PDB file of all heavy atoms in Angstrom:
ATOM      1  N   ILE A   1     100.600 103.912 106.240  1.00  0.00           N
ATOM      2  CA  ILE A   1     100.668 103.375 104.877  1.00  0.00           C
ATOM      3  C   ILE A   1      99.867 104.257 103.921  1.00  0.00           C
ATOM      4  O   ILE A   1     100.312 104.534 102.803  1.00  0.00           O
ATOM      5  CB  ILE A   1     100.138 101.918 104.847  1.00  0.00           C
ATOM      6  CG1 ILE A   1     101.037 101.006 105.681  1.00  0.00           C
ATOM      7  CG2 ILE A   1     100.008 101.401 103.435  1.00  0.00           C
ATOM      8  CD1 ILE A   1     102.425 100.839 105.121  1.00  0.00           C
ATOM      9  N   THR A   2      98.708 104.715 104.373  1.00  0.00           N
ATOM     10  CA  THR A   2      97.866 105.566 103.530  1.00  0.00           C
ATOM     11  C   THR A   2      98.574 106.868 103.187  1.00  0.00           C
ATOM     12  O   THR A   2      98.593 107.289 102.018  1.00  0.00           O
ATOM     13  CB  THR A   2      96.528 105.870 104.235  1.00  0.00           C
ATOM     14  OG1 THR A   2      95.920 104.640 104.609  1.00  0.00           O
ATOM     15  CG2 THR A   2      95.603 106.660 103.351  1.00  0.00           C
ATOM     16  N   SER A   3      99.158 107.509 104.163  1.00  0.00           N
ATOM     17  CA  SER A   3      99.843 108.773 103.936  1.00  0.00           C
ATOM     18  C   SER A   3     101.045 108.581 103.017  1.00  0.00           C
ATOM     19  O   SER A   3     101.284 109.396 102.113  1.00  0.00           O
ATOM     20  CB  SER A   3     100.291 109.375 105.262  1.00  0.00           C
ATOM     21  OG  SER A   3     100.989 110.580 105.052  1.00  0.00           O
ATOM     22  N   LEU A   4     101.814 107.520 103.234  1.00  0.00           N
ATOM     23  CA  LEU A   4     102.968 107.264 102.373  1.00  0.00           C
ATOM     24  C   LEU A   4     102.536 106.921 100.949  1.00  0.00           C
ATOM     25  O   LEU A   4     103.210 107.310  99.981  1.00  0.00           O
ATOM     26  CB  LEU A   4     103.833 106.154 102.963  1.00  0.00           C
ATOM     27  CG  LEU A   4     104.563 106.509 104.258  1.00  0.00           C
ATOM     28  CD1 LEU A   4     105.302 105.301 104.799  1.00  0.00           C
ATOM     29  CD2 LEU A   4     105.507 107.680 104.058  1.00  0.00           C
ATOM     30  N   ALA A   5     101.427 106.200 100.797  1.00  0.00           N
ATOM     31  CA  ALA A   5     100.919 105.887  99.455  1.00  0.00           C
ATOM     32  C   ALA A   5     100.492 107.161  98.732  1.00  0.00           C
ATOM     33  O   ALA A   5     100.784 107.337  97.539  1.00  0.00           O
ATOM     34  CB  ALA A   5      99.753 104.905  99.550  1.00  0.00           C
ATOM     35  N   ILE A   6      99.829 108.056  99.457  1.00  0.00           N
ATOM     36  CA  ILE A   6      99.438 109.337  98.860  1.00  0.00           C
ATOM     37  C   ILE A   6     100.688 110.118  98.451  1.00  0.00           C
ATOM     38  O   ILE A   6     100.756 110.680  97.359  1.00  0.00           O
ATOM     39  CB  ILE A   6      98.559 110.142  99.827  1.00  0.00           C
ATOM     40  CG1 ILE A   6      97.198 109.471  99.976  1.00  0.00           C
ATOM     41  CG2 ILE A   6      98.400 111.585  99.354  1.00  0.00           C
ATOM     42  CD1 ILE A   6      96.352 110.041 101.090  1.00  0.00           C
ATOM     43  N   GLY A   7     101.689 110.143  99.327  1.00  0.00           N
ATOM     44  CA  GLY A   7     102.936 110.818  99.009  1.00  0.00           C
ATOM     45  C   GLY A   7     103.637 110.202  97.812  1.00  0.00           C
ATOM     46  O   GLY A   7     104.211 110.912  96.982  1.00  0.00           O
ATOM     47  N   PHE A   8     103.576 108.872  97.692  1.00  0.00           N
ATOM     48  CA  PHE A   8     104.192 108.195  96.551  1.00  0.00           C
ATOM     49  C   PHE A   8     103.488 108.588  95.253  1.00  0.00           C
ATOM     50  O   PHE A   8     104.141 108.886  94.246  1.00  0.00           O
ATOM     51  CB  PHE A   8     104.157 106.677  96.746  1.00  0.00           C
ATOM     52  CG  PHE A   8     104.960 105.923  95.731  1.00  0.00           C
ATOM     53  CD1 PHE A   8     106.317 105.739  95.898  1.00  0.00           C
ATOM     54  CD2 PHE A   8     104.361 105.411  94.589  1.00  0.00           C
ATOM     55  CE1 PHE A   8     107.073 105.055  94.963  1.00  0.00           C
ATOM     56  CE2 PHE A   8     105.102 104.737  93.639  1.00  0.00           C
ATOM     57  CZ  PHE A   8     106.460 104.547  93.828  1.00  0.00           C
ATOM     58  N   VAL A   9     102.162 108.595  95.279  1.00  0.00           N
ATOM     59  CA  VAL A   9     101.396 108.963  94.081  1.00  0.00           C
ATOM     60  C   VAL A   9     101.659 110.423  93.712  1.00  0.00           C
ATOM     61  O   VAL A   9     101.896 110.739  92.534  1.00  0.00           O
ATOM     62  CB  VAL A   9      99.889 108.699  94.292  1.00  0.00           C
ATOM     63  CG1 VAL A   9      99.063 109.304  93.174  1.00  0.00           C
ATOM     64  CG2 VAL A   9      99.625 107.202  94.404  1.00  0.00           C
ATOM     65  N   LEU A  10     101.630 111.314  94.694  1.00  0.00           N
ATOM     66  CA  LEU A  10     101.909 112.727  94.410  1.00  0.00           C
ATOM     67  C   LEU A  10     103.337 112.920  93.892  1.00  0.00           C
ATOM     68  O   LEU A  10     103.583 113.709  92.971  1.00  0.00           O
ATOM     69  CB  LEU A  10     101.674 113.576  95.655  1.00  0.00           C
ATOM     70  CG  LEU A  10     100.210 113.721  96.091  1.00  0.00           C
ATOM     71  CD1 LEU A  10     100.127 114.466  97.417  1.00  0.00           C
ATOM     72  CD2 LEU A  10      99.394 114.412  95.022  1.00  0.00           C
ATOM     73  N   GLY A  11     104.281 112.187  94.480  1.00  0.00           N
ATOM     74  CA  GLY A  11     105.661 112.250  94.007  1.00  0.00           C
ATOM     75  C   GLY A  11     105.799 111.722  92.593  1.00  0.00           C
ATOM     76  O   GLY A  11     106.542 112.286  91.772  1.00  0.00           O
ATOM     77  N   PHE A  12     105.075 110.650  92.287  1.00  0.00           N
ATOM     78  CA  PHE A  12     105.098 110.083  90.935  1.00  0.00           C
ATOM     79  C   PHE A  12     104.595 111.106  89.921  1.00  0.00           C
ATOM     80  O   PHE A  12     105.202 111.311  88.868  1.00  0.00           O
ATOM     81  CB  PHE A  12     104.259 108.803  90.880  1.00  0.00           C
ATOM     82  CG  PHE A  12     104.251 108.146  89.532  1.00  0.00           C
ATOM     83  CD1 PHE A  12     105.282 107.314  89.151  1.00  0.00           C
ATOM     84  CD2 PHE A  12     103.212 108.372  88.639  1.00  0.00           C
ATOM     85  CE1 PHE A  12     105.285 106.705  87.903  1.00  0.00           C
ATOM     86  CE2 PHE A  12     103.200 107.779  87.394  1.00  0.00           C
ATOM     87  CZ  PHE A  12     104.237 106.939  87.023  1.00  0.00           C
ATOM     88  N   VAL A  13     103.484 111.763  90.256  1.00  0.00           N
ATOM     89  CA  VAL A  13     102.920 112.777  89.357  1.00  0.00           C
ATOM     90  C   VAL A  13     103.904 113.943  89.192  1.00  0.00           C
ATOM     91  O   VAL A  13     104.129 114.419  88.070  1.00  0.00           O
ATOM     92  CB  VAL A  13     101.547 113.265  89.872  1.00  0.00           C
ATOM     93  CG1 VAL A  13     101.061 114.469  89.084  1.00  0.00           C
ATOM     94  CG2 VAL A  13     100.530 112.134  89.810  1.00  0.00           C
ATOM     95  N   ALA A  14     104.500 114.401  90.281  1.00  0.00           N
ATOM     96  CA  ALA A  14     105.454 115.510  90.210  1.00  0.00           C
ATOM     97  C   ALA A  14     106.663 115.127  89.355  1.00  0.00           C
ATOM     98  O   ALA A  14     107.138 115.925  88.529  1.00  0.00           O
ATOM     99  CB  ALA A  14     105.900 115.918  91.610  1.00  0.00           C
ATOM    100  N   LEU A  15     107.167 113.911  89.534  1.00  0.00           N
ATOM    101  CA  LEU A  15     108.307 113.462  88.735  1.00  0.00           C
ATOM    102  C   LEU A  15     107.922 113.274  87.273  1.00  0.00           C
ATOM    103  O   LEU A  15     108.741 113.521  86.374  1.00  0.00           O
ATOM    104  CB  LEU A  15     108.874 112.165  89.311  1.00  0.00           C
ATOM    105  CG  LEU A  15     109.593 112.313  90.645  1.00  0.00           C
ATOM    106  CD1 LEU A  15     109.904 110.953  91.242  1.00  0.00           C
ATOM    107  CD2 LEU A  15     110.859 113.135  90.481  1.00  0.00           C
ATOM    108  N   TRP A  16     106.695 112.865  87.034  1.00  0.00           N
ATOM    109  CA  TRP A  16     106.246 112.699  85.654  1.00  0.00           C
ATOM    110  C   TRP A  16     106.196 114.052  84.946  1.00  0.00           C
ATOM    111  O   TRP A  16     106.532 114.153  83.764  1.00  0.00           O
ATOM    112  CB  TRP A  16     104.877 112.023  85.629  1.00  0.00           C
ATOM    113  CG  TRP A  16     104.389 111.760  84.237  1.00  0.00           C
ATOM    114  CD1 TRP A  16     104.774 110.747  83.412  1.00  0.00           C
ATOM    115  CD2 TRP A  16     103.452 112.542  83.497  1.00  0.00           C
ATOM    116  NE1 TRP A  16     104.134 110.842  82.210  1.00  0.00           N
ATOM    117  CE2 TRP A  16     103.305 111.943  82.233  1.00  0.00           C
ATOM    118  CE3 TRP A  16     102.717 113.677  83.792  1.00  0.00           C
ATOM    119  CZ2 TRP A  16     102.466 112.447  81.264  1.00  0.00           C
ATOM    120  CZ3 TRP A  16     101.868 114.176  82.812  1.00  0.00           C
ATOM    121  CH2 TRP A  16     101.750 113.566  81.570  1.00  0.00           C
ATOM    122  N   VAL A  17     105.796 115.072  85.678  1.00  0.00           N
ATOM    123  CA  VAL A  17     105.726 116.419  85.099  1.00  0.00           C
ATOM    124  C   VAL A  17     107.120 116.885  84.673  1.00  0.00           C
ATOM    125  O   VAL A  17     107.275 117.517  83.626  1.00  0.00           O
ATOM    126  CB  VAL A  17     105.081 117.419  86.094  1.00  0.00           C
ATOM    127  CG1 VAL A  17     105.246 118.850  85.635  1.00  0.00           C
ATOM    128  CG2 VAL A  17     103.604 117.086  86.287  1.00  0.00           C
ATOM    129  N   VAL A  18     108.138 116.560  85.457  1.00  0.00           N
ATOM    130  CA  VAL A  18     109.507 116.999  85.142  1.00  0.00           C
ATOM    131  C   VAL A  18     110.353 115.853  84.593  1.00  0.00           C
ATOM    132  O   VAL A  18     111.572 115.845  84.745  1.00  0.00           O
ATOM    133  CB  VAL A  18     110.181 117.623  86.393  1.00  0.00           C
ATOM    134  CG1 VAL A  18     109.463 118.891  86.809  1.00  0.00           C
ATOM    135  CG2 VAL A  18     110.273 116.637  87.528  1.00  0.00           C
ATOM    136  N   ARG A  19     109.725 114.900  83.945  1.00  0.00           N
ATOM    137  CA  ARG A  19     110.430 113.697  83.473  1.00  0.00           C
ATOM    138  C   ARG A  19     111.542 114.002  82.472  1.00  0.00           C
ATOM    139  O   ARG A  19     112.453 113.209  82.295  1.00  0.00           O
ATOM    140  CB  ARG A  19     109.456 112.694  82.886  1.00  0.00           C
ATOM    141  CG  ARG A  19     108.780 113.120  81.619  1.00  0.00           C
ATOM    142  CD  ARG A  19     107.708 112.111  81.195  1.00  0.00           C
ATOM    143  NE  ARG A  19     106.990 112.559  80.033  1.00  0.00           N
ATOM    144  CZ  ARG A  19     105.950 113.401  80.045  1.00  0.00           C
ATOM    145  NH1 ARG A  19     105.525 113.875  81.191  1.00  0.00           N
ATOM    146  NH2 ARG A  19     105.356 113.744  78.926  1.00  0.00           N
ATOM    147  N   GLY A  20     111.495 115.158  81.829  1.00  0.00           N
ATOM    148  CA  GLY A  20     112.551 115.527  80.889  1.00  0.00           C
ATOM    149  C   GLY A  20     113.890 115.749  81.563  1.00  0.00           C
ATOM    150  O   GLY A  20     114.931 115.732  80.903  1.00  0.00           O
ATOM    151  N   LEU A  21     113.892 115.930  82.875  1.00  0.00           N
ATOM    152  CA  LEU A  21     115.139 116.153  83.605  1.00  0.00           C
ATOM    153  C   LEU A  21     115.895 114.855  83.891  1.00  0.00           C
ATOM    154  O   LEU A  21     117.042 114.897  84.314  1.00  0.00           O
ATOM    155  CB  LEU A  21     114.850 116.863  84.932  1.00  0.00           C
ATOM    156  CG  LEU A  21     114.185 118.241  84.846  1.00  0.00           C
ATOM    157  CD1 LEU A  21     113.848 118.740  86.240  1.00  0.00           C
ATOM    158  CD2 LEU A  21     115.107 119.209  84.132  1.00  0.00           C
ATOM    159  N   PHE A  22     115.235 113.728  83.681  1.00  0.00           N
ATOM    160  CA  PHE A  22     115.827 112.430  84.025  1.00  0.00           C
ATOM    161  C   PHE A  22     116.040 111.606  82.764  1.00  0.00           C
ATOM    162  O   PHE A  22     115.276 111.720  81.806  1.00  0.00           O
ATOM    163  CB  PHE A  22     114.900 111.655  84.968  1.00  0.00           C
ATOM    164  CG  PHE A  22     114.595 112.393  86.240  1.00  0.00           C
ATOM    165  CD1 PHE A  22     113.377 113.042  86.412  1.00  0.00           C
ATOM    166  CD2 PHE A  22     115.512 112.449  87.269  1.00  0.00           C
ATOM    167  CE1 PHE A  22     113.086 113.717  87.571  1.00  0.00           C
ATOM    168  CE2 PHE A  22     115.234 113.122  88.437  1.00  0.00           C
ATOM    169  CZ  PHE A  22     114.020 113.768  88.589  1.00  0.00           C
ATOM    170  N   PRO A  23     117.056 110.754  82.774  1.00  0.00           N
ATOM    171  CA  PRO A  23     117.211 109.842  81.633  1.00  0.00           C
ATOM    172  C   PRO A  23     116.042 108.860  81.618  1.00  0.00           C
ATOM    173  O   PRO A  23     115.529 108.461  82.662  1.00  0.00           O
ATOM    174  CB  PRO A  23     118.534 109.127  81.914  1.00  0.00           C
ATOM    175  CG  PRO A  23     118.766 109.287  83.375  1.00  0.00           C
ATOM    176  CD  PRO A  23     118.084 110.562  83.789  1.00  0.00           C
ATOM    177  N   ASP A  24     115.602 108.489  80.428  1.00  0.00           N
ATOM    178  CA  ASP A  24     114.450 107.588  80.294  1.00  0.00           C
ATOM    179  C   ASP A  24     114.878 106.151  80.600  1.00  0.00           C
ATOM    180  O   ASP A  24     115.579 105.525  79.819  1.00  0.00           O
ATOM    181  CB  ASP A  24     113.880 107.678  78.888  1.00  0.00           C
ATOM    182  CG  ASP A  24     112.613 106.849  78.732  1.00  0.00           C
ATOM    183  OD1 ASP A  24     111.973 106.550  79.759  1.00  0.00           O
ATOM    184  OD2 ASP A  24     112.274 106.507  77.591  1.00  0.00           O
ATOM    185  N   ASP A  25     114.464 105.663  81.765  1.00  0.00           N
ATOM    186  CA  ASP A  25     114.783 104.280  82.129  1.00  0.00           C
ATOM    187  C   ASP A  25     113.530 103.413  82.208  1.00  0.00           C
ATOM    188  O   ASP A  25     113.570 102.294  82.694  1.00  0.00           O
ATOM    189  CB  ASP A  25     115.547 104.229  83.454  1.00  0.00           C
ATOM    190  CG  ASP A  25     114.702 104.680  84.632  1.00  0.00           C
ATOM    191  OD1 ASP A  25     113.618 105.235  84.407  1.00  0.00           O
ATOM    192  OD2 ASP A  25     115.129 104.462  85.777  1.00  0.00           O
TER     193      ASP A  25
END
């Protein structure tokens, strides 16, 4: 759970950085 939570947070940050590539939902 800890590793997946870290991966989720890192993924969230990475997606936030490239948020212009996605429609704003």
